[in-house]
Amino acid sequence: MKLSVFFHHIETAAKQRGISLPEMVKETRSYGIEAVEVDYAAASQDIAGLKSMLDDAGMGVACVYGFFRFGEKRDSAPGLAFLDAAAALGADKVLVIPGFIGGDASQEERSHSLQGMAAALKDMCQHGARQGITVTMEDFDDASAPFSTSDELLWFLEAVPDLRITFDTGNFIYRGEDVLEAYGKLREHVVHVHCKDRSLDAGNGGAPKLCVDGTKLYPSPVGDGCIPLADLVDRFKESGYPGTYAIEHFDAVDQSHYMKQSAEWLKIRLGL
């Protein structure tokens, strides 16, 4: 059991604080955060340099995430290259956002896109297994993502038996789904967790995420918002979840403060 954070947050914190990135990485490690979640598009520019910086701070890579367009083009090659990069970074999990479907797509077009995504994910699961990497998807907060609810994710799990779930605590609210009920449906497939809280208070600052029903959600430190994180963490523990708790709060006005507060809250809840 360990804590991770999105590397993007560390980069943003360094800019907000006016300090070097290696310095901010080392400070983040001092919060009790042992690993990072890495954006493939950014990391692929200098994989060796990123790994060296993390190694120097005593941090690892928990998961690499990437965006693809498998529904438009049935070619899994980009996904296999993505897995090779994750292996080079030492990650044992990846998060795949396989594509999006426009609201004006016909039923036939939607079905074709979904089948393309599933086919690529199957290839990725096979390739990942040979490298000791688990391929996951998450509940993604976008109307054009055909995997933003638990039922949509269950479709992918049935279509791709070796696929697993990264459970994002703060994204089910986007479509108005109860997060505790969603966890009950997906629990046996969860191998990674994004600890994302949301605030209804505009005073928190940061760019809001607009839900389907029009509700504005603002960034929040973990445990300080409207998502029932305490109940969720208890359920993760009751389920025997042994894995990583990844801190996530994009667009936070003070990333270093949010990271430290989130880590402190999680360490108390998890007994770390």
Protein backbone atom coordinates (compact mmCIF):
# COMPACT_ATOMS: atom_id res chain seq x y z
CA MET A 1 0.00 0.00 0.00
CA LYS A 2 1.49 3.34 -1.04
CA LEU A 3 0.69 6.87 -2.17
CA SER A 4 1.33 8.32 -5.59
CA VAL A 5 0.50 11.62 -7.28
CA PHE A 6 0.17 12.85 -10.82
CA PHE A 7 3.56 14.03 -12.06
CA HIS A 8 1.72 16.90 -13.74
CA HIS A 9 0.90 18.24 -10.27
CA ILE A 10 4.57 18.24 -9.30
CA GLU A 11 5.46 20.10 -12.50
CA THR A 12 2.73 22.66 -11.83
CA ALA A 13 3.80 23.06 -8.20
CA ALA A 14 7.38 23.77 -9.27
CA LYS A 15 6.17 26.53 -11.57
CA GLN A 16 3.80 27.94 -8.94
CA ARG A 17 6.58 27.99 -6.35
CA GLY A 18 9.33 29.17 -8.69
CA ILE A 19 11.64 26.26 -7.84
CA SER A 20 13.34 23.61 -9.96
CA LEU A 21 11.49 20.45 -10.92
CA PRO A 22 14.05 18.10 -9.28
CA GLU A 23 13.71 20.11 -6.06
CA MET A 24 9.91 19.83 -6.15
CA VAL A 25 10.13 16.10 -6.84
CA LYS A 26 12.27 15.62 -3.74
CA GLU A 27 9.93 17.76 -1.64
CA THR A 28 6.97 15.70 -2.84
CA ARG A 29 8.77 12.56 -1.76
CA SER A 30 9.11 14.10 1.72
CA TYR A 31 5.30 14.21 1.97
CA GLY A 32 5.30 10.40 2.07
CA ILE A 33 4.42 10.07 -1.61
CA GLU A 34 6.43 7.23 -3.14
CA ALA A 35 5.42 7.20 -6.80
CA VAL A 36 3.90 9.16 -9.67
CA GLU A 37 1.25 8.81 -12.38
CA VAL A 38 2.84 9.74 -15.69
CA ASP A 39 1.37 11.15 -18.91
CA TYR A 40 2.73 9.09 -21.80
CA ALA A 41 2.67 11.98 -24.27
CA ALA A 42 4.86 14.10 -22.00
CA ALA A 43 7.11 11.32 -20.69
CA SER A 44 7.92 9.92 -24.12
CA GLN A 45 9.96 13.04 -24.89
CA ASP A 46 12.67 11.96 -22.42
CA ILE A 47 11.95 8.67 -20.69
CA ALA A 48 15.51 8.17 -19.46
CA GLY A 49 15.70 11.70 -18.05
CA LEU A 50 12.41 11.35 -16.19
CA LYS A 51 13.35 7.99 -14.73
CA SER A 52 16.72 9.34 -13.60
CA MET A 53 15.08 12.31 -11.87
CA LEU A 54 12.62 10.07 -10.07
CA ASP A 55 15.31 7.56 -9.10
CA ASP A 56 17.38 10.37 -7.57
CA ALA A 57 14.42 11.30 -5.36
CA GLY A 58 13.63 7.71 -4.41
CA MET A 59 10.36 7.70 -6.35
CA GLY A 60 8.91 5.20 -8.79
CA VAL A 61 6.24 5.18 -11.48
CA ALA A 62 2.97 3.61 -10.34
CA CYS A 63 1.07 4.00 -13.61
CA VAL A 64 1.42 5.53 -17.07
CA TYR A 65 -1.68 6.92 -18.77
CA GLY A 66 -2.31 7.65 -22.41
CA PHE A 67 -4.98 8.84 -24.84
CA PHE A 68 -5.73 6.99 -28.07
CA ARG A 69 -8.18 6.95 -30.98
CA PHE A 70 -8.76 3.23 -31.37
CA GLY A 71 -12.40 3.78 -32.26
CA GLU A 72 -11.39 5.69 -35.38
CA LYS A 73 -8.42 3.61 -36.50
CA ARG A 74 -8.10 -0.10 -35.79
CA ASP A 75 -4.37 -0.17 -35.17
CA SER A 76 -3.05 -1.31 -31.81
CA ALA A 77 0.59 -0.46 -32.64
CA PRO A 78 0.49 2.89 -30.77
CA GLY A 79 -0.82 1.06 -27.72
CA LEU A 80 1.98 -1.50 -27.84
CA ALA A 81 4.59 1.27 -28.07
CA PHE A 82 2.90 2.89 -25.07
CA LEU A 83 3.32 -0.33 -23.09
CA ASP A 84 6.99 -0.54 -24.04
CA ALA A 85 7.48 3.00 -22.69
CA ALA A 86 5.68 2.08 -19.46
CA ALA A 87 7.97 -0.93 -19.07
CA ALA A 88 11.02 1.31 -19.55
CA LEU A 89 9.73 3.54 -16.74
CA GLY A 90 9.25 0.55 -14.45
CA ALA A 91 5.45 0.83 -14.23
CA ASP A 92 3.38 -2.28 -13.64
CA LYS A 93 0.07 -0.65 -14.61
CA VAL A 94 -1.18 1.53 -17.42
CA LEU A 95 -4.39 3.51 -17.81
CA VAL A 96 -5.80 3.59 -21.32
CA ILE A 97 -8.26 6.20 -22.56
CA PRO A 98 -9.08 4.34 -25.80
CA GLY A 99 -11.05 7.01 -27.62
CA PHE A 100 -14.18 9.12 -27.74
CA ILE A 101 -17.47 8.99 -29.63
CA GLY A 102 -19.29 12.13 -30.70
CA GLY A 103 -22.88 12.70 -29.67
CA ASP A 104 -23.99 12.76 -33.30
CA ALA A 105 -22.62 9.28 -34.05
CA SER A 106 -25.14 6.75 -35.37
CA GLN A 107 -25.72 3.49 -33.52
CA GLU A 108 -23.74 1.68 -36.21
CA GLU A 109 -20.84 4.13 -35.91
CA ARG A 110 -20.91 3.86 -32.14
CA SER A 111 -20.84 0.06 -32.27
CA HIS A 112 -17.97 0.11 -34.77
CA SER A 113 -15.97 2.46 -32.53
CA LEU A 114 -16.56 0.38 -29.42
CA GLN A 115 -15.48 -2.80 -31.19
CA GLY A 116 -12.32 -1.05 -32.39
CA MET A 117 -11.49 0.04 -28.86
CA ALA A 118 -12.10 -3.44 -27.48
CA ALA A 119 -9.93 -5.07 -30.15
CA ALA A 120 -6.99 -2.77 -29.40
CA LEU A 121 -7.40 -3.29 -25.66
CA LYS A 122 -7.27 -7.07 -26.13
CA ASP A 123 -3.98 -6.74 -28.02
CA MET A 124 -2.65 -4.45 -25.31
CA CYS A 125 -3.63 -6.83 -22.52
CA GLN A 126 -1.76 -9.65 -24.24
CA HIS A 127 1.33 -7.52 -24.83
CA GLY A 128 1.18 -6.13 -21.31
CA ALA A 129 0.95 -9.59 -19.76
CA ARG A 130 4.27 -10.50 -21.37
CA GLN A 131 5.83 -7.46 -19.69
CA GLY A 132 4.16 -7.86 -16.31
CA ILE A 133 1.94 -4.82 -16.92
CA THR A 134 -1.78 -4.69 -16.13
CA VAL A 135 -3.94 -2.70 -18.55
CA THR A 136 -6.74 -0.64 -16.99
CA MET A 137 -9.51 1.79 -17.86
CA GLU A 138 -11.21 4.36 -15.65
CA ASP A 139 -14.52 6.16 -15.33
CA PHE A 140 -13.61 9.19 -17.46
CA ASP A 141 -15.49 12.44 -16.93
CA ASP A 142 -16.43 13.42 -20.47
CA ALA A 143 -19.77 13.14 -22.26
CA SER A 144 -18.07 11.70 -25.34
CA ALA A 145 -16.30 8.97 -23.36
CA PRO A 146 -18.28 5.71 -23.66
CA PHE A 147 -16.79 4.62 -20.33
CA SER A 148 -17.92 7.31 -17.90
CA THR A 149 -20.30 5.09 -15.89
CA SER A 150 -19.96 1.74 -14.16
CA ASP A 151 -22.28 0.02 -16.65
CA GLU A 152 -20.22 1.29 -19.57
CA LEU A 153 -17.06 0.00 -17.91
CA LEU A 154 -18.74 -3.36 -17.30
CA TRP A 155 -19.30 -3.62 -21.07
CA PHE A 156 -15.56 -3.24 -21.65
CA LEU A 157 -14.77 -5.74 -18.90
CA GLU A 158 -17.01 -8.30 -20.57
CA ALA A 159 -15.55 -7.58 -24.02
CA VAL A 160 -11.94 -7.64 -22.77
CA PRO A 161 -11.66 -10.26 -19.99
CA ASP A 162 -8.07 -9.38 -19.02
CA LEU A 163 -8.86 -5.68 -18.61
CA ARG A 164 -8.93 -4.20 -15.11
CA ILE A 165 -10.23 -0.98 -13.54
CA THR A 166 -8.61 2.16 -12.22
CA PHE A 167 -11.34 3.47 -9.92
CA ASP A 168 -11.50 7.28 -10.00
CA THR A 169 -13.43 8.40 -6.93
CA GLY A 170 -14.26 11.84 -8.31
CA ASN A 171 -15.54 11.07 -11.78
CA PHE A 172 -18.79 9.14 -11.29
CA ILE A 173 -20.43 12.33 -10.03
CA TYR A 174 -19.98 13.79 -13.52
CA ARG A 175 -22.88 11.67 -14.80
CA GLY A 176 -24.75 11.72 -11.49
CA GLU A 177 -23.86 8.16 -10.51
CA ASP A 178 -23.52 7.21 -6.85
CA VAL A 179 -19.84 6.44 -6.32
CA LEU A 180 -20.43 3.92 -3.53
CA GLU A 181 -22.85 1.95 -5.68
CA ALA A 182 -20.41 2.12 -8.58
CA TYR A 183 -17.67 0.66 -6.41
CA GLY A 184 -19.95 -2.19 -5.39
CA LYS A 185 -20.40 -3.10 -9.06
CA LEU A 186 -16.73 -2.79 -10.03
CA ARG A 187 -14.98 -3.81 -6.82
CA GLU A 188 -13.64 -7.18 -7.96
CA HIS A 189 -11.98 -5.60 -10.99
CA VAL A 190 -10.27 -2.65 -9.25
CA VAL A 191 -6.46 -2.74 -9.21
CA HIS A 192 -5.66 0.98 -8.98
CA VAL A 193 -7.35 3.98 -7.35
CA HIS A 194 -7.37 7.68 -8.19
CA CYS A 195 -8.22 9.59 -5.01
CA LYS A 196 -10.00 12.61 -6.42
CA ASP A 197 -12.21 14.83 -4.31
CA ARG A 198 -14.41 17.64 -5.61
CA SER A 199 -15.52 20.92 -4.08
CA LEU A 200 -18.80 22.73 -4.66
CA ASP A 201 -17.23 25.94 -3.35
CA ALA A 202 -16.07 28.39 -6.01
CA GLY A 203 -13.90 29.92 -3.32
CA ASN A 204 -11.53 27.00 -3.72
CA GLY A 205 -10.49 28.54 -7.01
CA GLY A 206 -9.24 26.65 -10.00
CA ALA A 207 -11.08 25.81 -13.20
CA PRO A 208 -14.41 24.06 -12.53
CA LYS A 209 -15.57 20.85 -14.18
CA LEU A 210 -19.14 21.16 -15.42
CA CYS A 211 -21.25 18.05 -14.74
CA VAL A 212 -23.93 16.81 -17.11
CA ASP A 213 -26.57 18.36 -14.83
CA GLY A 214 -24.75 21.71 -14.78
CA THR A 215 -23.16 21.39 -11.33
CA LYS A 216 -19.74 23.05 -11.10
CA LEU A 217 -17.04 20.98 -9.43
CA TYR A 218 -13.86 22.66 -8.22
CA PRO A 219 -10.50 21.10 -7.30
CA SER A 220 -10.16 19.96 -3.70
CA PRO A 221 -7.54 18.33 -1.48
CA VAL A 222 -8.40 14.69 -0.83
CA GLY A 223 -10.83 14.38 2.08
CA ASP A 224 -11.87 18.03 2.03
CA GLY A 225 -14.64 18.01 -0.59
CA CYS A 226 -18.04 16.52 -1.38
CA ILE A 227 -16.97 13.01 -2.41
CA PRO A 228 -17.41 10.43 0.41
CA LEU A 229 -13.70 9.61 0.50
CA ALA A 230 -13.69 8.37 4.09
CA ASP A 231 -16.40 5.81 3.31
CA LEU A 232 -14.67 4.83 0.08
CA VAL A 233 -11.29 4.31 1.73
CA ASP A 234 -12.97 2.16 4.37
CA ARG A 235 -14.55 0.06 1.62
CA PHE A 236 -11.25 -0.26 -0.22
CA LYS A 237 -9.65 -1.52 2.98
CA GLU A 238 -12.56 -3.89 3.72
CA SER A 239 -12.21 -5.30 0.21
CA GLY A 240 -8.56 -6.04 0.86
CA TYR A 241 -7.33 -3.56 -1.75
CA PRO A 242 -3.53 -3.57 -1.31
CA GLY A 243 -2.52 -1.19 -4.05
CA THR A 244 -1.70 2.43 -4.76
CA TYR A 245 -3.76 5.45 -3.76
CA ALA A 246 -3.06 8.10 -6.39
CA ILE A 247 -3.67 11.71 -5.39
CA GLU A 248 -5.36 13.74 -8.12
CA HIS A 249 -6.47 17.37 -8.21
CA PHE A 250 -5.84 18.98 -11.58
CA ASP A 251 -6.19 22.79 -11.76
CA ALA A 252 -5.51 23.32 -8.04
CA VAL A 253 -4.43 26.87 -7.27
CA ASP A 254 -1.67 25.66 -4.91
CA GLN A 255 -0.56 22.21 -5.94
CA SER A 256 2.16 21.73 -3.34
CA HIS A 257 -0.23 22.60 -0.50
CA TYR A 258 -2.95 20.35 -1.95
CA MET A 259 -0.49 17.46 -2.38
CA LYS A 260 0.80 17.74 1.17
CA GLN A 261 -2.70 18.04 2.68
CA SER A 262 -3.99 15.13 0.59
CA ALA A 263 -1.06 12.93 1.58
CA GLU A 264 -1.50 13.74 5.27
CA TRP A 265 -5.21 12.88 5.14
CA LEU A 266 -4.60 9.60 3.34
CA LYS A 267 -1.77 8.55 5.66
CA ILE A 268 -4.08 9.00 8.64
CA ARG A 269 -6.96 7.09 7.01
CA LEU A 270 -4.69 4.29 5.82
CA GLY A 271 -2.51 4.10 8.92
CA LEU A 272 0.66 4.72 6.95
